[in-house]
Amino acid sequence: MTVRPARPDHPNQPDLIVIHEHPEWQKPLFAALERRGVSFEPFDVTRAAFDNIDPPRARLYFNQASPSAYLRGNTRAVPLAMAYMRSLELKGARVLNGSAVFGLELSKSTQATLLHGLGIDTPRSITFNDTSALKGRVHAITFPALLKPDQGGSGARIHVVESLEQVQGIFDRDPSIWQPDHLFLLQELLPHDPEQGIIRLEFLGGELLYAMRVKTHGQFNLCPSPVCNPEDGEGGGACAVPESPAPLRPVEFFPYFDAPPDAIETARRIVRAAGLDVGGIEYLETTDGRRVFYDINANSNLRPSVAAAWGFDPFERVVDYLTKQIRELEPALRV
């Protein structure tokens, strides 16, 4: 990767710093930034350090860190990214998808509370840090149910469970499943057609970028990046969930040109309430007629083939947005 020259007014300071932990995911974005001549630097939080005294080096920061970092042996990346963004924000830096948004992405329970507070249909969830605490609350959930981690990522650690005894057995057999966040949700299981799958609406700057239908075929790893779910359906990809068996059928991604306007407007409300600069909102339609929103993604791994069907390169659109944000900031850092 060739990093474009820094700004002439501040020779050692780029316009943009991209905070990330997965270089393969970032290649399309970095390539688009290079094509457009944007002065930028990557900041890889897998092995990183920062100083409490140093002022911000860039006009703009863009957070692309992922909750699933621990699946790739990068457990320490998430707390470093969060601490770094909080430090930058205290110093007055503009951070897209900053610490508050990242905190929301790291917590499915917070997402569930936000959605419920907005009056949006979302699964009933019980958050717990010890299975014994479920006994007084399990009446609120009907089995079968979904067991999922508060800090999600690539479908890891998700189980369909038939009883509280099965939940207990999962943790008894493998106590390491609590890692890295030590929080789980027991969540209402939503009956839906896996052949129809779920809908993911991608937003950029508060407006719909594109919509796609994701046919899950019963899988939980729905990462849109071709790095994780290759276009040819072959291989497990770079964010495959280690403990998962090989899927019988690969996840499929299709452009969805007929997303209902009211569903788009609901997703737009979520984007505004969450403070998302770039991100994806997921919902599904149940077999009993509900439209249920259940996931807020701040790390938006865009699917080029789906965007191409809509008639554009998604990473060029992201660079358009980033350069607009840079222009709107002060013409030079005041340090």
C-alpha atoms as a PDB file:
ATOM      1  CA  MET A   1       0.000   0.000   0.000  1.00  0.00           C
ATOM      2  CA  THR A   2       1.245   3.481  -0.905  1.00  0.00           C
ATOM      3  CA  VAL A   3       0.199   6.191   1.539  1.00  0.00           C
ATOM      4  CA  ARG A   4      -0.419   9.501  -0.190  1.00  0.00           C
ATOM      5  CA  PRO A   5       1.785  12.481   0.749  1.00  0.00           C
ATOM      6  CA  ALA A   6       0.824  14.453   3.797  1.00  0.00           C
ATOM      7  CA  ARG A   7      -0.595  17.968   3.668  1.00  0.00           C
ATOM      8  CA  PRO A   8       1.818  20.688   2.612  1.00  0.00           C
ATOM      9  CA  ASP A   9       0.653  22.976   5.459  1.00  0.00           C
ATOM     10  CA  HIS A  10       1.534  20.256   8.013  1.00  0.00           C
ATOM     11  CA  PRO A  11       4.146  17.978   6.377  1.00  0.00           C
ATOM     12  CA  ASN A  12       3.808  15.158   8.900  1.00  0.00           C
ATOM     13  CA  GLN A  13       0.039  15.258   9.280  1.00  0.00           C
ATOM     14  CA  PRO A  14      -2.452  13.555   6.928  1.00  0.00           C
ATOM     15  CA  ASP A  15      -6.000  14.713   6.316  1.00  0.00           C
ATOM     16  CA  LEU A  16      -7.406  11.347   7.352  1.00  0.00           C
ATOM     17  CA  ILE A  17      -6.451   8.489   9.674  1.00  0.00           C
ATOM     18  CA  VAL A  18      -8.346   5.190   9.356  1.00  0.00           C
ATOM     19  CA  ILE A  19      -8.534   3.231  12.616  1.00  0.00           C
ATOM     20  CA  HIS A  20      -8.718  -0.493  11.847  1.00  0.00           C
ATOM     21  CA  GLU A  21      -7.557  -4.013  12.761  1.00  0.00           C
ATOM     22  CA  HIS A  22      -8.270  -6.001   9.595  1.00  0.00           C
ATOM     23  CA  PRO A  23      -6.070  -4.887   6.659  1.00  0.00           C
ATOM     24  CA  GLU A  24      -7.795  -7.224   4.197  1.00  0.00           C
ATOM     25  CA  TRP A  25     -11.143  -5.524   4.839  1.00  0.00           C
ATOM     26  CA  GLN A  26      -9.588  -2.117   4.263  1.00  0.00           C
ATOM     27  CA  LYS A  27      -7.918  -2.783   0.901  1.00  0.00           C
ATOM     28  CA  PRO A  28     -10.826  -1.505  -1.246  1.00  0.00           C
ATOM     29  CA  LEU A  29     -11.158   1.655   0.835  1.00  0.00           C
ATOM     30  CA  PHE A  30      -7.418   2.326   0.820  1.00  0.00           C
ATOM     31  CA  ALA A  31      -7.304   1.773  -2.942  1.00  0.00           C
ATOM     32  CA  ALA A  32     -10.124   4.270  -3.458  1.00  0.00           C
ATOM     33  CA  LEU A  33      -8.400   6.832  -1.219  1.00  0.00           C
ATOM     34  CA  GLU A  34      -5.197   6.395  -3.219  1.00  0.00           C
ATOM     35  CA  ARG A  35      -7.006   6.801  -6.539  1.00  0.00           C
ATOM     36  CA  ARG A  36      -8.501  10.048  -5.303  1.00  0.00           C
ATOM     37  CA  GLY A  37      -5.202  11.381  -3.941  1.00  0.00           C
ATOM     38  CA  VAL A  38      -6.450  11.705  -0.362  1.00  0.00           C
ATOM     39  CA  SER A  39      -3.725  12.226   2.221  1.00  0.00           C
ATOM     40  CA  PHE A  40      -4.322   9.418   4.700  1.00  0.00           C
ATOM     41  CA  GLU A  41      -2.683   6.956   7.070  1.00  0.00           C
ATOM     42  CA  PRO A  42      -3.886   3.653   8.522  1.00  0.00           C
ATOM     43  CA  PHE A  43      -3.748   3.144  12.283  1.00  0.00           C
ATOM     44  CA  ASP A  44      -3.726  -0.581  13.042  1.00  0.00           C
ATOM     45  CA  VAL A  45      -4.957  -1.119  16.603  1.00  0.00           C
ATOM     46  CA  THR A  46      -3.872  -4.755  16.865  1.00  0.00           C
ATOM     47  CA  ARG A  47      -0.467  -3.678  18.236  1.00  0.00           C
ATOM     48  CA  ALA A  48      -0.542   0.021  18.973  1.00  0.00           C
ATOM     49  CA  ALA A  49       0.175   2.792  21.459  1.00  0.00           C
ATOM     50  CA  PHE A  50      -0.790   6.436  21.841  1.00  0.00           C
ATOM     51  CA  ASP A  51       0.267   9.353  24.045  1.00  0.00           C
ATOM     52  CA  ASN A  52      -2.041  11.393  26.262  1.00  0.00           C
ATOM     53  CA  ILE A  53      -0.103  14.571  25.398  1.00  0.00           C
ATOM     54  CA  ASP A  54       0.156  14.350  21.604  1.00  0.00           C
ATOM     55  CA  PRO A  55      -2.439  16.477  19.776  1.00  0.00           C
ATOM     56  CA  PRO A  56      -4.540  14.950  16.983  1.00  0.00           C
ATOM     57  CA  ARG A  57      -2.472  14.435  13.840  1.00  0.00           C
ATOM     58  CA  ALA A  58      -5.271  14.413  11.291  1.00  0.00           C
ATOM     59  CA  ARG A  59      -8.218  16.593  10.422  1.00  0.00           C
ATOM     60  CA  LEU A  60     -10.480  13.554  10.413  1.00  0.00           C
ATOM     61  CA  TYR A  61     -10.463  10.039  11.889  1.00  0.00           C
ATOM     62  CA  PHE A  62     -12.581   7.158  10.573  1.00  0.00           C
ATOM     63  CA  ASN A  63     -13.196   4.204  12.872  1.00  0.00           C
ATOM     64  CA  GLN A  64     -13.293   0.812  11.133  1.00  0.00           C
ATOM     65  CA  ALA A  65     -12.457  -1.360  14.176  1.00  0.00           C
ATOM     66  CA  SER A  66     -14.619  -4.451  14.581  1.00  0.00           C
ATOM     67  CA  PRO A  67     -16.123  -6.279  17.582  1.00  0.00           C
ATOM     68  CA  SER A  68     -15.065  -9.557  15.925  1.00  0.00           C
ATOM     69  CA  ALA A  69     -11.350  -8.771  16.325  1.00  0.00           C
ATOM     70  CA  TYR A  70     -10.996 -11.434  19.018  1.00  0.00           C
ATOM     71  CA  LEU A  71     -11.853 -14.126  16.464  1.00  0.00           C
ATOM     72  CA  ARG A  72      -8.640 -13.270  14.641  1.00  0.00           C
ATOM     73  CA  GLY A  73      -6.458 -13.319  17.755  1.00  0.00           C
ATOM     74  CA  ASN A  74      -6.766  -9.539  18.164  1.00  0.00           C
ATOM     75  CA  THR A  75      -8.677  -9.379  21.451  1.00  0.00           C
ATOM     76  CA  ARG A  76      -6.664  -6.359  22.606  1.00  0.00           C
ATOM     77  CA  ALA A  77      -7.606  -4.315  19.545  1.00  0.00           C
ATOM     78  CA  VAL A  78     -11.099  -3.390  20.762  1.00  0.00           C
ATOM     79  CA  PRO A  79     -10.160  -1.807  24.119  1.00  0.00           C
ATOM     80  CA  LEU A  80      -7.239   0.041  22.487  1.00  0.00           C
ATOM     81  CA  ALA A  81      -9.502   1.389  19.748  1.00  0.00           C
ATOM     82  CA  MET A  82     -12.059   2.545  22.307  1.00  0.00           C
ATOM     83  CA  ALA A  83      -9.456   4.220  24.518  1.00  0.00           C
ATOM     84  CA  TYR A  84      -7.818   5.887  21.511  1.00  0.00           C
ATOM     85  CA  MET A  85     -11.100   7.301  20.210  1.00  0.00           C
ATOM     86  CA  ARG A  86     -12.097   8.602  23.630  1.00  0.00           C
ATOM     87  CA  SER A  87      -8.717  10.294  23.944  1.00  0.00           C
ATOM     88  CA  LEU A  88      -9.012  11.838  20.479  1.00  0.00           C
ATOM     89  CA  GLU A  89     -12.505  13.131  21.210  1.00  0.00           C
ATOM     90  CA  LEU A  90     -11.370  14.702  24.480  1.00  0.00           C
ATOM     91  CA  LYS A  91      -8.710  16.503  22.454  1.00  0.00           C
ATOM     92  CA  GLY A  92     -11.345  17.864  20.076  1.00  0.00           C
ATOM     93  CA  ALA A  93     -10.780  15.533  17.118  1.00  0.00           C
ATOM     94  CA  ARG A  94     -13.600  14.623  14.728  1.00  0.00           C
ATOM     95  CA  VAL A  95     -13.991  10.828  14.774  1.00  0.00           C
ATOM     96  CA  LEU A  96     -16.509   9.244  12.417  1.00  0.00           C
ATOM     97  CA  ASN A  97     -18.290   6.307  14.071  1.00  0.00           C
ATOM     98  CA  GLY A  98     -16.510   7.362  17.253  1.00  0.00           C
ATOM     99  CA  SER A  99     -16.517   5.991  20.778  1.00  0.00           C
ATOM    100  CA  ALA A 100     -20.260   6.301  21.481  1.00  0.00           C
ATOM    101  CA  VAL A 101     -21.157   4.572  18.214  1.00  0.00           C
ATOM    102  CA  PHE A 102     -18.471   1.927  18.760  1.00  0.00           C
ATOM    103  CA  GLY A 103     -19.801   1.328  22.278  1.00  0.00           C
ATOM    104  CA  LEU A 104     -23.247   0.725  20.804  1.00  0.00           C
ATOM    105  CA  GLU A 105     -21.867  -1.737  18.257  1.00  0.00           C
ATOM    106  CA  LEU A 106     -20.073  -3.627  21.027  1.00  0.00           C
ATOM    107  CA  SER A 107     -23.296  -4.222  22.957  1.00  0.00           C
ATOM    108  CA  LYS A 108     -26.288  -6.092  21.557  1.00  0.00           C
ATOM    109  CA  SER A 109     -28.122  -5.433  24.823  1.00  0.00           C
ATOM    110  CA  THR A 110     -27.706  -1.663  24.411  1.00  0.00           C
ATOM    111  CA  GLN A 111     -28.899  -1.947  20.821  1.00  0.00           C
ATOM    112  CA  ALA A 112     -31.980  -3.843  21.978  1.00  0.00           C
ATOM    113  CA  THR A 113     -32.762  -1.176  24.582  1.00  0.00           C
ATOM    114  CA  LEU A 114     -32.290   1.639  22.058  1.00  0.00           C
ATOM    115  CA  LEU A 115     -34.593  -0.015  19.526  1.00  0.00           C
ATOM    116  CA  HIS A 116     -37.246  -0.709  22.140  1.00  0.00           C
ATOM    117  CA  GLY A 117     -37.006   2.881  23.369  1.00  0.00           C
ATOM    118  CA  LEU A 118     -37.619   4.105  19.820  1.00  0.00           C
ATOM    119  CA  GLY A 119     -40.818   2.045  19.699  1.00  0.00           C
ATOM    120  CA  ILE A 120     -39.363  -0.275  17.064  1.00  0.00           C
ATOM    121  CA  ASP A 121     -40.175  -3.987  17.107  1.00  0.00           C
ATOM    122  CA  THR A 122     -37.044  -5.801  18.299  1.00  0.00           C
ATOM    123  CA  PRO A 123     -36.457  -9.195  19.968  1.00  0.00           C
ATOM    124  CA  ARG A 124     -37.098  -9.528  23.708  1.00  0.00           C
ATOM    125  CA  SER A 125     -33.687 -10.044  25.333  1.00  0.00           C
ATOM    126  CA  ILE A 126     -32.322 -10.945  28.765  1.00  0.00           C
ATOM    127  CA  THR A 127     -28.690  -9.993  29.404  1.00  0.00           C
ATOM    128  CA  PHE A 128     -26.743 -12.029  31.958  1.00  0.00           C
ATOM    129  CA  ASN A 129     -23.226 -12.685  33.268  1.00  0.00           C
ATOM    130  CA  ASP A 130     -24.039 -15.903  35.125  1.00  0.00           C
ATOM    131  CA  THR A 131     -26.482 -18.618  34.148  1.00  0.00           C
ATOM    132  CA  SER A 132     -27.879 -18.822  37.671  1.00  0.00           C
ATOM    133  CA  ALA A 133     -29.270 -15.305  37.244  1.00  0.00           C
ATOM    134  CA  LEU A 134     -31.526 -16.507  34.423  1.00  0.00           C
ATOM    135  CA  LYS A 135     -33.714 -18.657  36.652  1.00  0.00           C
ATOM    136  CA  GLY A 136     -35.870 -15.795  37.866  1.00  0.00           C
ATOM    137  CA  ARG A 137     -36.269 -14.249  34.422  1.00  0.00           C
ATOM    138  CA  VAL A 138     -36.393 -17.109  31.955  1.00  0.00           C
ATOM    139  CA  HIS A 139     -40.206 -17.030  31.998  1.00  0.00           C
ATOM    140  CA  ALA A 140     -39.992 -13.964  29.730  1.00  0.00           C
ATOM    141  CA  ILE A 141     -38.483 -16.024  26.904  1.00  0.00           C
ATOM    142  CA  THR A 142     -40.155 -18.876  25.025  1.00  0.00           C
ATOM    143  CA  PHE A 143     -37.973 -21.803  23.952  1.00  0.00           C
ATOM    144  CA  PRO A 144     -36.462 -22.459  21.501  1.00  0.00           C
ATOM    145  CA  ALA A 145     -34.485 -19.257  21.966  1.00  0.00           C
ATOM    146  CA  LEU A 146     -31.284 -17.665  20.727  1.00  0.00           C
ATOM    147  CA  LEU A 147     -28.173 -17.565  22.896  1.00  0.00           C
ATOM    148  CA  LYS A 148     -25.809 -14.868  21.674  1.00  0.00           C
ATOM    149  CA  PRO A 149     -22.907 -12.777  23.024  1.00  0.00           C
ATOM    150  CA  ASP A 150     -23.333  -9.130  23.930  1.00  0.00           C
ATOM    151  CA  GLN A 151     -20.178  -8.372  21.921  1.00  0.00           C
ATOM    152  CA  GLY A 152     -20.984 -10.093  18.669  1.00  0.00           C
ATOM    153  CA  GLY A 153     -19.047 -10.534  15.470  1.00  0.00           C
ATOM    154  CA  SER A 154     -19.252 -12.827  12.442  1.00  0.00           C
ATOM    155  CA  GLY A 155     -21.925 -14.995  14.025  1.00  0.00           C
ATOM    156  CA  ALA A 156     -19.572 -16.365  16.659  1.00  0.00           C
ATOM    157  CA  ARG A 157     -20.858 -17.967  19.867  1.00  0.00           C
ATOM    158  CA  ILE A 158     -24.494 -17.978  18.723  1.00  0.00           C
ATOM    159  CA  HIS A 159     -26.599 -21.031  19.532  1.00  0.00           C
ATOM    160  CA  VAL A 160     -30.228 -22.003  19.171  1.00  0.00           C
ATOM    161  CA  VAL A 161     -31.182 -23.487  22.545  1.00  0.00           C
ATOM    162  CA  GLU A 162     -34.170 -25.572  23.625  1.00  0.00           C
ATOM    163  CA  SER A 163     -33.977 -25.161  27.406  1.00  0.00           C
ATOM    164  CA  LEU A 164     -32.209 -23.478  30.302  1.00  0.00           C
ATOM    165  CA  GLU A 165     -30.440 -26.812  30.921  1.00  0.00           C
ATOM    166  CA  GLN A 166     -28.960 -26.656  27.422  1.00  0.00           C
ATOM    167  CA  VAL A 167     -27.743 -23.111  28.082  1.00  0.00           C
ATOM    168  CA  GLN A 168     -26.046 -24.310  31.259  1.00  0.00           C
ATOM    169  CA  GLY A 169     -24.485 -27.235  29.404  1.00  0.00           C
ATOM    170  CA  ILE A 170     -22.935 -24.946  26.778  1.00  0.00           C
ATOM    171  CA  PHE A 171     -21.090 -22.936  29.420  1.00  0.00           C
ATOM    172  CA  ASP A 172     -20.176 -26.028  31.455  1.00  0.00           C
ATOM    173  CA  ARG A 173     -18.570 -27.720  28.446  1.00  0.00           C
ATOM    174  CA  ASP A 174     -16.596 -24.658  27.384  1.00  0.00           C
ATOM    175  CA  PRO A 175     -16.160 -21.863  29.962  1.00  0.00           C
ATOM    176  CA  SER A 176     -13.969 -19.972  27.466  1.00  0.00           C
ATOM    177  CA  ILE A 177     -17.142 -19.118  25.558  1.00  0.00           C
ATOM    178  CA  TRP A 178     -17.588 -16.222  28.002  1.00  0.00           C
ATOM    179  CA  GLN A 179     -14.574 -14.508  26.441  1.00  0.00           C
ATOM    180  CA  PRO A 180     -13.972 -11.702  25.713  1.00  0.00           C
ATOM    181  CA  ASP A 181     -16.899  -9.735  27.173  1.00  0.00           C
ATOM    182  CA  HIS A 182     -18.413 -12.077  29.832  1.00  0.00           C
ATOM    183  CA  LEU A 183     -21.932 -11.042  28.824  1.00  0.00           C
ATOM    184  CA  PHE A 184     -24.573 -13.023  26.957  1.00  0.00           C
ATOM    185  CA  LEU A 185     -28.144 -12.542  25.833  1.00  0.00           C
ATOM    186  CA  LEU A 186     -30.964 -15.056  25.876  1.00  0.00           C
ATOM    187  CA  GLN A 187     -33.121 -13.698  23.097  1.00  0.00           C
ATOM    188  CA  GLU A 188     -36.466 -14.350  21.486  1.00  0.00           C
ATOM    189  CA  LEU A 189     -36.002 -16.563  18.428  1.00  0.00           C
ATOM    190  CA  LEU A 190     -37.738 -15.033  15.438  1.00  0.00           C
ATOM    191  CA  PRO A 191     -39.456 -17.536  13.118  1.00  0.00           C
ATOM    192  CA  HIS A 192     -38.598 -16.625   9.542  1.00  0.00           C
ATOM    193  CA  ASP A 193     -37.854 -18.256   6.219  1.00  0.00           C
ATOM    194  CA  PRO A 194     -34.062 -18.778   5.962  1.00  0.00           C
ATOM    195  CA  GLU A 195     -34.439 -18.943   2.185  1.00  0.00           C
ATOM    196  CA  GLN A 196     -35.714 -15.352   2.305  1.00  0.00           C
ATOM    197  CA  GLY A 197     -33.173 -14.442   4.945  1.00  0.00           C
ATOM    198  CA  ILE A 198     -32.730 -10.926   6.257  1.00  0.00           C
ATOM    199  CA  ILE A 199     -32.565  -7.399   4.866  1.00  0.00           C
ATOM    200  CA  ARG A 200     -29.546  -5.172   5.388  1.00  0.00           C
ATOM    201  CA  LEU A 201     -29.808  -1.446   4.681  1.00  0.00           C
ATOM    202  CA  GLU A 202     -26.497   0.384   4.291  1.00  0.00           C
ATOM    203  CA  PHE A 203     -26.413   4.074   5.209  1.00  0.00           C
ATOM    204  CA  LEU A 204     -23.856   6.775   4.484  1.00  0.00           C
ATOM    205  CA  GLY A 205     -24.169  10.220   6.032  1.00  0.00           C
ATOM    206  CA  GLY A 206     -27.702   9.478   7.194  1.00  0.00           C
ATOM    207  CA  GLU A 207     -29.033   8.433   3.782  1.00  0.00           C
ATOM    208  CA  LEU A 208     -29.593   5.028   2.214  1.00  0.00           C
ATOM    209  CA  LEU A 209     -26.610   3.836   0.170  1.00  0.00           C
ATOM    210  CA  TYR A 210     -28.163   0.534  -0.941  1.00  0.00           C
ATOM    211  CA  ALA A 211     -30.320  -2.330   0.294  1.00  0.00           C
ATOM    212  CA  MET A 212     -29.624  -6.024  -0.008  1.00  0.00           C
ATOM    213  CA  ARG A 213     -31.292  -9.294   0.825  1.00  0.00           C
ATOM    214  CA  VAL A 214     -29.055 -11.825   2.556  1.00  0.00           C
ATOM    215  CA  LYS A 215     -30.160 -15.438   2.189  1.00  0.00           C
ATOM    216  CA  THR A 216     -28.712 -17.018   5.307  1.00  0.00           C
ATOM    217  CA  HIS A 217     -29.489 -20.706   4.661  1.00  0.00           C
ATOM    218  CA  GLY A 218     -29.400 -21.074   8.441  1.00  0.00           C
ATOM    219  CA  GLN A 219     -25.936 -19.532   8.857  1.00  0.00           C
ATOM    220  CA  PHE A 220     -25.062 -16.827  11.387  1.00  0.00           C
ATOM    221  CA  ASN A 221     -21.910 -15.380   9.776  1.00  0.00           C
ATOM    222  CA  LEU A 222     -23.465 -12.777   7.478  1.00  0.00           C
ATOM    223  CA  CYS A 223     -20.414 -10.540   7.044  1.00  0.00           C
ATOM    224  CA  PRO A 224     -20.922  -8.817   3.647  1.00  0.00           C
ATOM    225  CA  SER A 225     -17.229  -8.509   2.824  1.00  0.00           C
ATOM    226  CA  PRO A 226     -16.097 -10.847   0.006  1.00  0.00           C
ATOM    227  CA  VAL A 227     -13.055 -11.479   2.201  1.00  0.00           C
ATOM    228  CA  CYS A 228     -15.376 -13.274   4.654  1.00  0.00           C
ATOM    229  CA  ASN A 229     -18.081 -14.610   2.367  1.00  0.00           C
ATOM    230  CA  PRO A 230     -16.430 -14.979  -1.071  1.00  0.00           C
ATOM    231  CA  GLU A 231     -18.416 -14.251  -4.198  1.00  0.00           C
ATOM    232  CA  ASP A 232     -17.912 -17.812  -5.461  1.00  0.00           C
ATOM    233  CA  GLY A 233     -19.150 -19.280  -2.180  1.00  0.00           C
ATOM    234  CA  GLU A 234     -15.939 -21.273  -1.807  1.00  0.00           C
ATOM    235  CA  GLY A 235     -13.942 -21.440   1.415  1.00  0.00           C
ATOM    236  CA  GLY A 236     -14.672 -20.080   4.852  1.00  0.00           C
ATOM    237  CA  GLY A 237     -13.195 -16.655   4.262  1.00  0.00           C
ATOM    238  CA  ALA A 238     -10.988 -14.569   6.509  1.00  0.00           C
ATOM    239  CA  CYS A 239     -13.540 -14.090   9.286  1.00  0.00           C
ATOM    240  CA  ALA A 240     -14.873 -17.638   9.450  1.00  0.00           C
ATOM    241  CA  VAL A 241     -16.148 -18.617  12.878  1.00  0.00           C
ATOM    242  CA  PRO A 242     -13.626 -21.158  14.224  1.00  0.00           C
ATOM    243  CA  GLU A 243     -16.067 -23.508  15.948  1.00  0.00           C
ATOM    244  CA  SER A 244     -18.635 -23.595  13.142  1.00  0.00           C
ATOM    245  CA  PRO A 245     -19.024 -26.608  10.851  1.00  0.00           C
ATOM    246  CA  ALA A 246     -18.719 -26.110   7.117  1.00  0.00           C
ATOM    247  CA  PRO A 247     -22.012 -24.659   5.837  1.00  0.00           C
ATOM    248  CA  LEU A 248     -24.198 -26.840   3.658  1.00  0.00           C
ATOM    249  CA  ARG A 249     -24.920 -23.822   1.469  1.00  0.00           C
ATOM    250  CA  PRO A 250     -23.033 -20.527   1.368  1.00  0.00           C
ATOM    251  CA  VAL A 251     -24.634 -17.253   2.390  1.00  0.00           C
ATOM    252  CA  GLU A 252     -25.956 -15.369  -0.641  1.00  0.00           C
ATOM    253  CA  PHE A 253     -26.175 -11.592  -1.130  1.00  0.00           C
ATOM    254  CA  PHE A 254     -28.609  -9.937  -3.554  1.00  0.00           C
ATOM    255  CA  PRO A 255     -29.489  -6.322  -4.336  1.00  0.00           C
ATOM    256  CA  TYR A 256     -32.896  -5.477  -2.909  1.00  0.00           C
ATOM    257  CA  PHE A 257     -34.472  -2.736  -4.985  1.00  0.00           C
ATOM    258  CA  ASP A 258     -37.929  -3.031  -3.430  1.00  0.00           C
ATOM    259  CA  ALA A 259     -37.179  -2.265   0.210  1.00  0.00           C
ATOM    260  CA  PRO A 260     -40.399  -0.789   1.679  1.00  0.00           C
ATOM    261  CA  PRO A 261     -40.113   2.993   2.154  1.00  0.00           C
ATOM    262  CA  ASP A 262     -41.395   2.732   5.731  1.00  0.00           C
ATOM    263  CA  ALA A 263     -38.688   0.161   6.554  1.00  0.00           C
ATOM    264  CA  ILE A 264     -36.062   2.525   5.134  1.00  0.00           C
ATOM    265  CA  GLU A 265     -37.485   5.388   7.190  1.00  0.00           C
ATOM    266  CA  THR A 266     -37.415   3.259  10.351  1.00  0.00           C
ATOM    267  CA  ALA A 267     -33.781   2.384   9.662  1.00  0.00           C
ATOM    268  CA  ARG A 268     -33.031   6.073   9.074  1.00  0.00           C
ATOM    269  CA  ARG A 269     -34.493   6.843  12.512  1.00  0.00           C
ATOM    270  CA  ILE A 270     -32.176   4.235  14.029  1.00  0.00           C
ATOM    271  CA  VAL A 271     -29.171   5.716  12.219  1.00  0.00           C
ATOM    272  CA  ARG A 272     -29.996   9.183  13.572  1.00  0.00           C
ATOM    273  CA  ALA A 273     -30.610   7.962  17.120  1.00  0.00           C
ATOM    274  CA  ALA A 274     -27.396   5.908  17.108  1.00  0.00           C
ATOM    275  CA  GLY A 275     -25.307   8.730  15.646  1.00  0.00           C
ATOM    276  CA  LEU A 276     -24.028   6.483  12.845  1.00  0.00           C
ATOM    277  CA  ASP A 277     -21.927   8.156  10.163  1.00  0.00           C
ATOM    278  CA  VAL A 278     -21.542   4.947   8.142  1.00  0.00           C
ATOM    279  CA  GLY A 279     -23.299   1.703   8.976  1.00  0.00           C
ATOM    280  CA  GLY A 280     -25.782  -1.056   8.284  1.00  0.00           C
ATOM    281  CA  ILE A 281     -29.174  -1.780   9.856  1.00  0.00           C
ATOM    282  CA  GLU A 282     -30.595  -5.309   9.717  1.00  0.00           C
ATOM    283  CA  TYR A 283     -34.164  -6.513   9.969  1.00  0.00           C
ATOM    284  CA  LEU A 284     -36.167  -9.585   9.099  1.00  0.00           C
ATOM    285  CA  GLU A 285     -39.761 -10.392   8.360  1.00  0.00           C
ATOM    286  CA  THR A 286     -41.197 -13.158  10.511  1.00  0.00           C
ATOM    287  CA  THR A 287     -43.530 -15.889   9.375  1.00  0.00           C
ATOM    288  CA  ASP A 288     -46.274 -14.326  11.519  1.00  0.00           C
ATOM    289  CA  GLY A 289     -46.040 -10.937   9.806  1.00  0.00           C
ATOM    290  CA  ARG A 290     -43.720  -8.900  12.035  1.00  0.00           C
ATOM    291  CA  ARG A 291     -40.930  -6.684  10.750  1.00  0.00           C
ATOM    292  CA  VAL A 292     -38.258  -6.916  13.432  1.00  0.00           C
ATOM    293  CA  PHE A 293     -35.093  -4.806  13.568  1.00  0.00           C
ATOM    294  CA  TYR A 294     -32.319  -6.520  15.477  1.00  0.00           C
ATOM    295  CA  ASP A 295     -28.790  -5.370  14.562  1.00  0.00           C
ATOM    296  CA  ILE A 296     -26.891  -2.081  14.256  1.00  0.00           C
ATOM    297  CA  ASN A 297     -23.532  -2.316  12.483  1.00  0.00           C
ATOM    298  CA  ALA A 298     -21.059   0.551  12.689  1.00  0.00           C
ATOM    299  CA  ASN A 299     -18.339  -1.362  10.862  1.00  0.00           C
ATOM    300  CA  SER A 300     -19.877  -1.550   7.419  1.00  0.00           C
ATOM    301  CA  ASN A 301     -18.154  -4.085   5.184  1.00  0.00           C
ATOM    302  CA  LEU A 302     -19.628  -3.120   1.846  1.00  0.00           C
ATOM    303  CA  ARG A 303     -20.437  -5.648  -0.871  1.00  0.00           C
ATOM    304  CA  PRO A 304     -19.092  -4.332  -4.214  1.00  0.00           C
ATOM    305  CA  SER A 305     -21.176  -6.702  -6.364  1.00  0.00           C
ATOM    306  CA  VAL A 306     -24.398  -5.586  -4.679  1.00  0.00           C
ATOM    307  CA  ALA A 307     -23.529  -1.895  -5.005  1.00  0.00           C
ATOM    308  CA  ALA A 308     -22.567  -2.468  -8.646  1.00  0.00           C
ATOM    309  CA  ALA A 309     -26.095  -3.707  -9.285  1.00  0.00           C
ATOM    310  CA  TRP A 310     -27.240  -0.347  -7.922  1.00  0.00           C
ATOM    311  CA  GLY A 311     -24.865   1.323 -10.377  1.00  0.00           C
ATOM    312  CA  PHE A 312     -21.906   2.550  -8.354  1.00  0.00           C
ATOM    313  CA  ASP A 313     -18.704   1.665  -6.498  1.00  0.00           C
ATOM    314  CA  PRO A 314     -19.533   1.855  -2.768  1.00  0.00           C
ATOM    315  CA  PHE A 315     -16.004   2.781  -1.741  1.00  0.00           C
ATOM    316  CA  GLU A 316     -15.989   5.739  -4.117  1.00  0.00           C
ATOM    317  CA  ARG A 317     -19.157   6.928  -2.384  1.00  0.00           C
ATOM    318  CA  VAL A 318     -17.468   6.521   1.008  1.00  0.00           C
ATOM    319  CA  VAL A 319     -14.477   8.548  -0.201  1.00  0.00           C
ATOM    320  CA  ASP A 320     -16.885  11.231  -1.471  1.00  0.00           C
ATOM    321  CA  TYR A 321     -18.316  11.414   2.040  1.00  0.00           C
ATOM    322  CA  LEU A 322     -14.906  11.439   3.740  1.00  0.00           C
ATOM    323  CA  THR A 323     -13.539  14.209   1.532  1.00  0.00           C
ATOM    324  CA  LYS A 324     -16.671  16.282   2.152  1.00  0.00           C
ATOM    325  CA  GLN A 325     -16.169  15.869   5.905  1.00  0.00           C
ATOM    326  CA  ILE A 326     -12.525  16.909   5.570  1.00  0.00           C
ATOM    327  CA  ARG A 327     -13.453  20.044   3.593  1.00  0.00           C
ATOM    328  CA  GLU A 328     -15.996  21.055   6.220  1.00  0.00           C
ATOM    329  CA  LEU A 329     -13.393  21.021   8.983  1.00  0.00           C
ATOM    330  CA  GLU A 330     -10.972  23.875   9.593  1.00  0.00           C
ATOM    331  CA  PRO A 331      -8.513  24.308   6.730  1.00  0.00           C
ATOM    332  CA  ALA A 332      -5.594  23.530   9.047  1.00  0.00           C
ATOM    333  CA  LEU A 333      -5.143  21.884  12.430  1.00  0.00           C
ATOM    334  CA  ARG A 334      -4.650  24.353  15.232  1.00  0.00           C
ATOM    335  CA  VAL A 335      -1.933  22.751  17.344  1.00  0.00           C
END
